[in-house]
Amino acid sequence: MVDRKAGAKGKKAMVMQAILCVLCILIGAFYPTMVDWSKTAVERWAQSNGKSVEWQEARAYPFSPVSVVLIDDAFQLSIALCFVARKTGLRSLWSDKSLVLKMLPLGAIYAIGELLTLRSVQKGSGPVYVVIANMKLVVAALMSRAFFGRSVSMPWLHWFELVLISVAAAAYTLLEAGSLGTSWRWEGAWMALAKSSLVAFSSVFCEHTYKSNPFHLTLTLQAFWGLVTAVLLIAVSFSGLAFPSIAMELHDVDGGLSIFGGGSKHPLCASAAHAECERWLSKLRTIPEAGQYCNCLSARGWDTYTCFTVLADLSNAVSSALVFRQLSAVAKYVCRALSAVPMYVFYCAVGRIAWRFQTFAVVLYLCFQVSMYTKQRHQIAEAAAAKEEASWVKEYEAADAHGSDKRS
């Protein structure tokens, strides 16, 4: 009877883990897909190669990415403050001054990571961002080795697996670049890699901060410092010290300061400024130097899809926190890595990208390699913990036996 109950309980736990894994996969695919779908405007420009000029266009955000980060962090902080007020009271948020200061860099990393995600999808695509995000395993291993040395050394086979992960991510990126041709922008891939590096940094150096402190307090402080970081970025941009493009994006069509009416720094395609640029280009007697000219945007400001992007980010943050608390570390990474598969299939099904078996095979191989590496690393960590516990028990028993001999 006991065995049957234990078996039924084990099957129920496995079913629940499977459901959570599927939910984790959907979460990993939903947010970047929704961000990609928010590119409802069309950017148009004259591309010169030094010999001829061709007009090209690509999907683009009608909004300013920093405005989405600002509003999203404000929403997250509001929700988190309500939760803390009901659970432990707002005073508990500031009771541990050291925790408040420890969460400052994590909040800044979170806000900058959000901005890099938006910029990555803006210049590239959702699938490229998700695939390159798996590089955080490689970056984390390199950081751990560089800063902690032999204390975190790995077998050469695991390093080889990391090389294979890097090769697979690079292969997918190159295949996408080849299929998109001149509309491909490498900035999207580099920003995705920068986001992966930030995630790896926080996991290597700051993971203990999340695990050793109350969950609701760390998330609230993270949202608070994230909002502060977004406001500081805007302030620095308007002061003229750095990031001038942020200030340029936070203006509406009439040139007034606007969070919801802002967008790309380029003029609207229907504006007089763009018409003047077209006339200038048509009157040139020689082909201009290689580059982009007369960039314009079809629309400017927030729309319905922008609001969906904010809601998707909110649901990503909340559901990820809840799901990841129930999943093990190995399941979390494996399930997130698998999100690239349904995402690629979906993009092909709706016609956003062309189906190529070679590209799909690379995605499958990358997911398999990430899963194998994560599982093996987890098994090694469990074996080391078990060995340390057995050694401690053996030493304790030896000490107890020695004490008993003395007493006798």
Protein backbone atom coordinates (compact mmCIF):
# COMPACT_ATOMS: atom_id res chain seq x y z
CA MET A 1 0.00 0.00 0.00
CA VAL A 2 2.79 2.38 0.95
CA ASP A 3 4.67 1.57 -2.27
CA ARG A 4 1.55 2.27 -4.33
CA LYS A 5 1.03 5.63 -2.66
CA ALA A 6 4.68 6.52 -3.14
CA GLY A 7 4.48 5.47 -6.81
CA ALA A 8 1.32 7.51 -7.38
CA LYS A 9 2.91 10.50 -5.67
CA GLY A 10 6.02 10.15 -7.82
CA LYS A 11 3.97 9.99 -11.04
CA LYS A 12 1.99 13.05 -9.98
CA ALA A 13 5.22 14.95 -9.32
CA MET A 14 6.58 13.94 -12.73
CA VAL A 15 3.39 15.12 -14.46
CA MET A 16 3.58 18.43 -12.60
CA GLN A 17 7.24 18.87 -13.56
CA ALA A 18 6.35 18.15 -17.20
CA ILE A 19 3.55 20.74 -17.14
CA LEU A 20 5.85 23.31 -15.58
CA CYS A 21 8.54 22.53 -18.17
CA VAL A 22 6.05 23.10 -21.01
CA LEU A 23 5.00 26.36 -19.35
CA CYS A 24 8.65 27.34 -19.02
CA ILE A 25 9.19 26.65 -22.74
CA LEU A 26 6.18 28.79 -23.66
CA ILE A 27 7.37 31.59 -21.39
CA GLY A 28 10.79 31.52 -23.00
CA ALA A 29 9.28 31.78 -26.48
CA PHE A 30 6.34 34.11 -25.81
CA TYR A 31 8.14 37.27 -24.66
CA PRO A 32 10.70 37.62 -27.51
CA THR A 33 7.99 36.66 -30.02
CA MET A 34 5.67 39.35 -28.70
CA VAL A 35 8.53 41.87 -28.79
CA ASP A 36 9.24 40.91 -32.40
CA TRP A 37 5.56 41.28 -33.31
CA SER A 38 5.55 44.81 -31.88
CA LYS A 39 7.66 45.93 -34.86
CA THR A 40 4.57 47.30 -36.58
CA ALA A 41 6.29 50.21 -38.31
CA VAL A 42 8.38 50.08 -41.48
CA GLU A 43 11.81 51.69 -41.69
CA ARG A 44 12.81 52.74 -45.21
CA TRP A 45 16.23 53.87 -46.43
CA ALA A 46 18.40 54.31 -49.49
CA GLN A 47 21.23 51.77 -49.47
CA SER A 48 24.33 52.70 -51.45
CA ASN A 49 27.17 50.31 -52.24
CA GLY A 50 29.22 52.98 -54.00
CA LYS A 51 28.02 51.86 -57.45
CA SER A 52 24.23 52.03 -57.21
CA VAL A 53 21.46 53.09 -54.83
CA GLU A 54 18.52 50.88 -53.90
CA TRP A 55 15.61 51.64 -51.61
CA GLN A 56 15.17 49.02 -48.88
CA GLU A 57 12.82 48.55 -45.96
CA ALA A 58 12.48 46.48 -42.81
CA ARG A 59 10.09 46.09 -39.89
CA ALA A 60 10.86 48.41 -36.96
CA TYR A 61 9.56 49.55 -33.57
CA PRO A 62 7.28 52.58 -33.71
CA PHE A 63 8.17 53.24 -30.05
CA SER A 64 11.29 54.04 -28.05
CA PRO A 65 12.71 50.91 -26.34
CA VAL A 66 13.72 52.86 -23.22
CA SER A 67 10.10 54.02 -22.79
CA VAL A 68 8.96 50.38 -22.65
CA VAL A 69 11.65 49.57 -20.05
CA LEU A 70 10.61 52.60 -17.98
CA ILE A 71 6.88 51.78 -17.96
CA ASP A 72 7.47 48.06 -17.51
CA ASP A 73 9.73 48.57 -14.47
CA ALA A 74 7.22 51.02 -13.00
CA PHE A 75 4.43 48.43 -13.35
CA GLN A 76 6.60 45.68 -11.87
CA LEU A 77 7.54 47.87 -8.90
CA SER A 78 3.89 48.82 -8.26
CA ILE A 79 2.77 45.18 -8.24
CA ALA A 80 5.72 44.12 -6.08
CA LEU A 81 5.09 46.91 -3.53
CA CYS A 82 1.44 45.85 -3.18
CA PHE A 83 2.54 42.26 -2.57
CA VAL A 84 5.18 43.25 0.02
CA ALA A 85 2.72 45.57 1.80
CA ARG A 86 0.26 42.68 2.25
CA LYS A 87 2.85 40.04 3.14
CA THR A 88 5.36 41.70 5.51
CA GLY A 89 4.74 45.45 5.34
CA LEU A 90 6.68 48.09 3.41
CA ARG A 91 9.07 48.71 6.31
CA SER A 92 10.54 45.23 5.81
CA LEU A 93 11.77 46.38 2.41
CA TRP A 94 14.32 48.73 4.00
CA SER A 95 15.01 46.83 7.22
CA ASP A 96 18.15 45.19 5.79
CA LYS A 97 20.31 48.03 4.46
CA SER A 98 22.95 45.66 3.16
CA LEU A 99 20.37 43.83 1.02
CA VAL A 100 19.18 47.14 -0.43
CA LEU A 101 22.74 47.97 -1.51
CA LYS A 102 23.42 44.44 -2.77
CA MET A 103 20.39 44.63 -5.05
CA LEU A 104 21.53 47.90 -6.63
CA PRO A 105 23.85 46.32 -9.24
CA LEU A 106 21.34 43.51 -9.85
CA GLY A 107 18.57 46.01 -10.53
CA ALA A 108 20.84 47.93 -12.89
CA ILE A 109 21.77 44.70 -14.70
CA TYR A 110 18.09 43.80 -14.99
CA ALA A 111 17.11 47.17 -16.54
CA ILE A 112 20.06 47.22 -18.93
CA GLY A 113 19.32 43.59 -19.83
CA GLU A 114 15.73 44.53 -20.71
CA LEU A 115 16.99 47.33 -22.92
CA LEU A 116 19.50 45.02 -24.62
CA THR A 117 16.73 42.47 -25.26
CA LEU A 118 14.59 45.09 -26.98
CA ARG A 119 17.56 46.40 -28.99
CA SER A 120 18.58 42.86 -29.97
CA VAL A 121 15.14 41.97 -31.32
CA GLN A 122 14.91 45.43 -32.91
CA LYS A 123 18.09 44.90 -34.94
CA GLY A 124 17.69 41.12 -35.37
CA SER A 125 14.80 38.77 -34.61
CA GLY A 126 13.24 36.79 -31.79
CA PRO A 127 14.76 33.40 -32.77
CA VAL A 128 18.26 34.88 -33.07
CA TYR A 129 17.93 36.37 -29.59
CA VAL A 130 16.71 33.08 -28.05
CA VAL A 131 19.46 31.01 -29.71
CA ILE A 132 22.29 33.34 -28.72
CA ALA A 133 20.87 33.55 -25.17
CA ASN A 134 22.18 30.01 -24.65
CA MET A 135 25.69 31.46 -24.80
CA LYS A 136 25.24 32.46 -21.16
CA LEU A 137 26.39 28.95 -20.21
CA VAL A 138 29.67 29.50 -22.07
CA VAL A 139 30.21 32.99 -20.68
CA ALA A 140 29.41 31.86 -17.13
CA ALA A 141 31.93 29.01 -17.36
CA LEU A 142 34.64 31.35 -18.66
CA MET A 143 33.92 33.92 -15.94
CA SER A 144 34.00 31.28 -13.22
CA ARG A 145 37.31 29.93 -14.47
CA ALA A 146 38.84 33.41 -14.84
CA PHE A 147 37.84 34.69 -11.40
CA PHE A 148 37.80 31.53 -9.27
CA GLY A 149 40.53 29.49 -10.98
CA ARG A 150 40.96 25.78 -10.30
CA SER A 151 38.33 25.76 -7.58
CA VAL A 152 35.67 25.61 -10.32
CA SER A 153 37.65 23.62 -12.89
CA MET A 154 35.74 21.32 -15.25
CA PRO A 155 36.68 18.17 -17.17
CA TRP A 156 37.95 18.84 -20.70
CA LEU A 157 34.85 17.10 -22.10
CA HIS A 158 32.61 19.80 -20.64
CA TRP A 159 34.76 22.52 -22.18
CA PHE A 160 34.45 20.72 -25.50
CA GLU A 161 30.66 20.70 -25.10
CA LEU A 162 30.74 24.46 -24.50
CA VAL A 163 32.73 24.86 -27.71
CA LEU A 164 30.06 22.85 -29.55
CA ILE A 165 27.33 25.09 -28.07
CA SER A 166 29.22 28.16 -29.28
CA VAL A 167 29.69 26.68 -32.75
CA ALA A 168 25.98 25.80 -33.00
CA ALA A 169 24.91 29.31 -31.93
CA ALA A 170 27.35 30.85 -34.42
CA ALA A 171 26.17 28.52 -37.19
CA TYR A 172 22.54 29.48 -36.64
CA THR A 173 23.44 33.18 -36.64
CA LEU A 174 25.41 32.87 -39.88
CA LEU A 175 22.59 30.91 -41.55
CA GLU A 176 20.10 33.61 -40.57
CA ALA A 177 22.47 36.31 -41.82
CA GLY A 178 22.78 34.53 -45.15
CA SER A 179 19.03 34.08 -45.56
CA LEU A 180 18.20 37.72 -44.74
CA GLY A 181 20.89 39.18 -47.00
CA THR A 182 21.30 42.96 -46.89
CA SER A 183 18.48 43.38 -44.32
CA TRP A 184 20.55 41.50 -41.72
CA ARG A 185 22.08 43.65 -38.97
CA TRP A 186 24.84 42.26 -36.83
CA GLU A 187 23.98 44.64 -33.98
CA GLY A 188 21.12 42.32 -33.00
CA ALA A 189 23.48 39.36 -32.49
CA TRP A 190 26.05 41.41 -30.57
CA MET A 191 23.40 42.86 -28.25
CA ALA A 192 21.99 39.38 -27.59
CA LEU A 193 25.49 38.25 -26.67
CA ALA A 194 25.88 41.28 -24.38
CA LYS A 195 22.60 40.37 -22.67
CA SER A 196 23.83 36.78 -22.21
CA SER A 197 27.04 38.11 -20.66
CA LEU A 198 25.06 40.19 -18.15
CA VAL A 199 22.93 37.18 -17.20
CA ALA A 200 26.05 35.06 -16.82
CA PHE A 201 27.69 37.71 -14.62
CA SER A 202 24.69 37.87 -12.29
CA SER A 203 24.49 34.07 -12.07
CA VAL A 204 28.22 33.71 -11.27
CA PHE A 205 28.61 36.54 -8.77
CA CYS A 206 25.14 37.37 -7.46
CA GLU A 207 23.06 34.17 -7.41
CA HIS A 208 23.64 33.71 -3.68
CA THR A 209 21.95 37.08 -3.05
CA TYR A 210 18.70 35.78 -4.52
CA LYS A 211 18.89 32.41 -2.76
CA SER A 212 19.87 33.63 0.72
CA ASN A 213 17.24 36.38 1.07
CA PRO A 214 13.41 36.54 1.05
CA PHE A 215 12.19 36.06 -2.50
CA HIS A 216 9.58 38.85 -2.51
CA LEU A 217 12.04 41.41 -1.12
CA THR A 218 14.75 40.70 -3.69
CA LEU A 219 12.33 40.94 -6.60
CA THR A 220 10.87 44.22 -5.30
CA LEU A 221 14.29 45.78 -4.77
CA GLN A 222 15.36 44.57 -8.20
CA ALA A 223 12.35 46.33 -9.76
CA PHE A 224 13.08 49.48 -7.72
CA TRP A 225 16.72 49.74 -8.78
CA GLY A 226 15.74 48.81 -12.34
CA LEU A 227 13.36 51.77 -12.46
CA VAL A 228 16.03 54.05 -10.96
CA THR A 229 18.49 52.88 -13.63
CA ALA A 230 16.02 53.61 -16.45
CA VAL A 231 15.37 57.11 -15.09
CA LEU A 232 19.12 57.76 -14.74
CA LEU A 233 19.76 56.65 -18.34
CA ILE A 234 17.15 59.11 -19.55
CA ALA A 235 18.53 61.90 -17.34
CA VAL A 236 22.10 61.32 -18.52
CA SER A 237 20.94 61.33 -22.13
CA PHE A 238 19.07 64.63 -21.80
CA SER A 239 22.04 66.18 -19.99
CA GLY A 240 24.18 65.50 -23.05
CA LEU A 241 26.79 63.46 -21.17
CA ALA A 242 26.10 60.15 -22.97
CA PHE A 243 23.53 58.10 -24.89
CA PRO A 244 22.20 60.98 -27.08
CA SER A 245 19.96 58.61 -29.08
CA ILE A 246 17.74 57.98 -26.02
CA ALA A 247 16.85 61.67 -25.74
CA MET A 248 16.20 61.86 -29.48
CA GLU A 249 13.80 58.93 -29.29
CA LEU A 250 11.71 60.47 -26.49
CA HIS A 251 10.21 63.18 -28.71
CA ASP A 252 6.97 63.04 -30.66
CA VAL A 253 6.32 64.07 -34.27
CA ASP A 254 6.07 67.75 -33.31
CA GLY A 255 9.35 67.68 -31.40
CA GLY A 256 7.83 67.76 -27.92
CA LEU A 257 8.98 65.56 -25.05
CA SER A 258 6.85 62.39 -24.98
CA ILE A 259 7.20 58.90 -23.55
CA PHE A 260 4.28 57.36 -25.43
CA GLY A 261 4.59 59.41 -28.62
CA GLY A 262 8.32 58.96 -29.08
CA GLY A 263 10.07 56.55 -31.38
CA SER A 264 12.97 56.24 -33.78
CA LYS A 265 15.20 59.28 -34.25
CA HIS A 266 14.46 59.14 -37.98
CA PRO A 267 11.70 61.38 -39.43
CA LEU A 268 8.38 60.05 -40.66
CA CYS A 269 8.32 58.96 -44.29
CA ALA A 270 5.45 61.39 -44.91
CA SER A 271 7.33 64.35 -43.39
CA ALA A 272 8.75 67.34 -45.21
CA ALA A 273 12.22 66.53 -43.86
CA HIS A 274 12.25 63.14 -45.57
CA ALA A 275 10.88 64.60 -48.82
CA GLU A 276 13.73 67.11 -48.80
CA CYS A 277 16.26 64.30 -48.29
CA GLU A 278 14.80 62.39 -51.24
CA ARG A 279 15.07 65.48 -53.46
CA TRP A 280 18.70 65.95 -52.37
CA LEU A 281 19.47 62.32 -53.18
CA SER A 282 17.82 62.48 -56.61
CA LYS A 283 19.79 65.59 -57.59
CA LEU A 284 23.19 64.05 -56.83
CA ARG A 285 25.28 63.66 -60.00
CA THR A 286 27.46 60.92 -58.52
CA ILE A 287 26.65 57.84 -56.48
CA PRO A 288 27.20 58.58 -52.75
CA GLU A 289 29.63 56.58 -50.67
CA ALA A 290 28.54 53.19 -49.34
CA GLY A 291 26.06 53.53 -46.49
CA GLN A 292 22.45 54.32 -45.61
CA TYR A 293 20.76 57.58 -46.59
CA CYS A 294 17.35 59.20 -46.03
CA ASN A 295 16.16 56.81 -43.31
CA CYS A 296 12.52 57.26 -42.39
CA LEU A 297 9.79 55.54 -40.36
CA SER A 298 6.18 54.89 -41.37
CA ALA A 299 4.70 55.42 -37.87
CA ARG A 300 5.80 56.78 -34.51
CA GLY A 301 4.55 56.20 -30.95
CA TRP A 302 2.97 53.44 -28.87
CA ASP A 303 0.22 51.25 -30.31
CA THR A 304 -1.73 48.17 -29.19
CA TYR A 305 1.16 45.79 -29.84
CA THR A 306 3.42 47.93 -27.66
CA CYS A 307 1.02 47.48 -24.75
CA PHE A 308 1.00 43.74 -25.41
CA THR A 309 4.81 43.80 -25.22
CA VAL A 310 4.69 45.41 -21.76
CA LEU A 311 2.12 42.84 -20.61
CA ALA A 312 4.25 40.04 -22.06
CA ASP A 313 7.29 41.26 -20.14
CA LEU A 314 5.26 41.50 -16.94
CA SER A 315 3.91 37.98 -17.38
CA ASN A 316 7.42 36.77 -18.22
CA ALA A 317 8.83 38.23 -15.00
CA VAL A 318 6.04 37.02 -12.72
CA SER A 319 5.50 33.56 -14.23
CA SER A 320 9.24 32.91 -14.54
CA ALA A 321 9.69 33.67 -10.85
CA LEU A 322 6.82 31.37 -9.85
CA VAL A 323 7.71 28.52 -12.21
CA PHE A 324 11.44 28.60 -11.52
CA ARG A 325 10.81 28.24 -7.79
CA GLN A 326 9.13 24.90 -8.50
CA LEU A 327 11.63 23.62 -11.08
CA SER A 328 15.14 22.45 -10.37
CA ALA A 329 18.09 24.37 -11.76
CA VAL A 330 18.80 21.75 -14.42
CA ALA A 331 15.15 21.66 -15.56
CA LYS A 332 15.05 25.45 -15.73
CA TYR A 333 17.97 25.70 -18.17
CA VAL A 334 16.95 22.70 -20.27
CA CYS A 335 13.34 23.84 -20.66
CA ARG A 336 14.38 27.40 -21.52
CA ALA A 337 16.82 26.11 -24.13
CA LEU A 338 14.04 24.06 -25.75
CA SER A 339 11.96 27.21 -26.34
CA ALA A 340 13.99 27.85 -29.51
CA VAL A 341 12.34 24.85 -31.24
CA PRO A 342 8.62 25.86 -31.08
CA MET A 343 9.63 29.46 -31.71
CA TYR A 344 11.44 28.59 -34.95
CA VAL A 345 8.54 26.38 -36.12
CA PHE A 346 6.03 29.16 -35.34
CA TYR A 347 8.03 31.78 -37.25
CA CYS A 348 8.21 29.46 -40.26
CA ALA A 349 4.48 28.63 -40.07
CA VAL A 350 3.40 32.29 -40.16
CA GLY A 351 5.90 33.18 -42.87
CA ARG A 352 8.23 35.40 -40.87
CA ILE A 353 11.25 33.29 -41.85
CA ALA A 354 11.77 30.66 -44.54
CA TRP A 355 11.87 27.00 -43.51
CA ARG A 356 15.30 25.47 -43.92
CA PHE A 357 16.00 21.96 -42.68
CA GLN A 358 19.67 22.82 -42.12
CA THR A 359 18.76 25.69 -39.82
CA PHE A 360 16.19 23.61 -37.94
CA ALA A 361 18.76 20.84 -37.46
CA VAL A 362 21.17 23.35 -35.93
CA VAL A 363 18.44 24.51 -33.51
CA LEU A 364 17.69 20.92 -32.47
CA TYR A 365 21.38 20.14 -31.99
CA LEU A 366 21.90 23.29 -29.90
CA CYS A 367 18.99 22.36 -27.62
CA PHE A 368 20.32 18.81 -27.24
CA GLN A 369 23.85 20.01 -26.45
CA VAL A 370 22.65 22.56 -23.87
CA SER A 371 20.49 19.90 -22.21
CA MET A 372 23.34 17.38 -22.02
CA TYR A 373 25.84 19.91 -20.66
CA THR A 374 23.42 21.21 -18.02
CA LYS A 375 22.43 17.71 -16.90
CA GLN A 376 26.05 16.55 -16.58
CA ARG A 377 27.08 19.66 -14.64
CA HIS A 378 24.14 19.15 -12.29
CA GLN A 379 25.06 15.49 -11.72
CA ILE A 380 28.66 16.44 -10.90
CA ALA A 381 27.47 19.07 -8.41
CA GLU A 382 25.15 16.55 -6.72
CA ALA A 383 27.94 13.95 -6.52
CA ALA A 384 30.32 16.49 -4.97
CA ALA A 385 27.70 17.52 -2.41
CA ALA A 386 27.00 13.88 -1.53
CA LYS A 387 30.71 13.16 -1.17
CA GLU A 388 31.20 16.16 1.12
CA GLU A 389 28.22 15.13 3.26
CA ALA A 390 29.51 11.53 3.53
CA SER A 391 32.95 12.81 4.53
CA TRP A 392 31.45 15.04 7.20
CA VAL A 393 29.35 12.17 8.60
CA LYS A 394 32.41 9.90 8.67
CA GLU A 395 34.48 12.51 10.53
CA TYR A 396 31.65 13.11 13.00
CA GLU A 397 31.29 9.36 13.70
CA ALA A 398 35.05 9.04 14.18
CA ALA A 399 35.09 11.95 16.60
CA ASP A 400 32.13 10.51 18.51
CA ALA A 401 33.81 7.11 18.75
CA HIS A 402 37.04 8.73 20.00
CA GLY A 403 35.06 10.57 22.67
CA SER A 404 33.35 7.35 23.78
CA ASP A 405 36.76 5.64 24.16
CA LYS A 406 37.99 8.44 26.39
CA ARG A 407 34.93 8.26 28.61
CA SER A 408 35.28 4.49 29.01
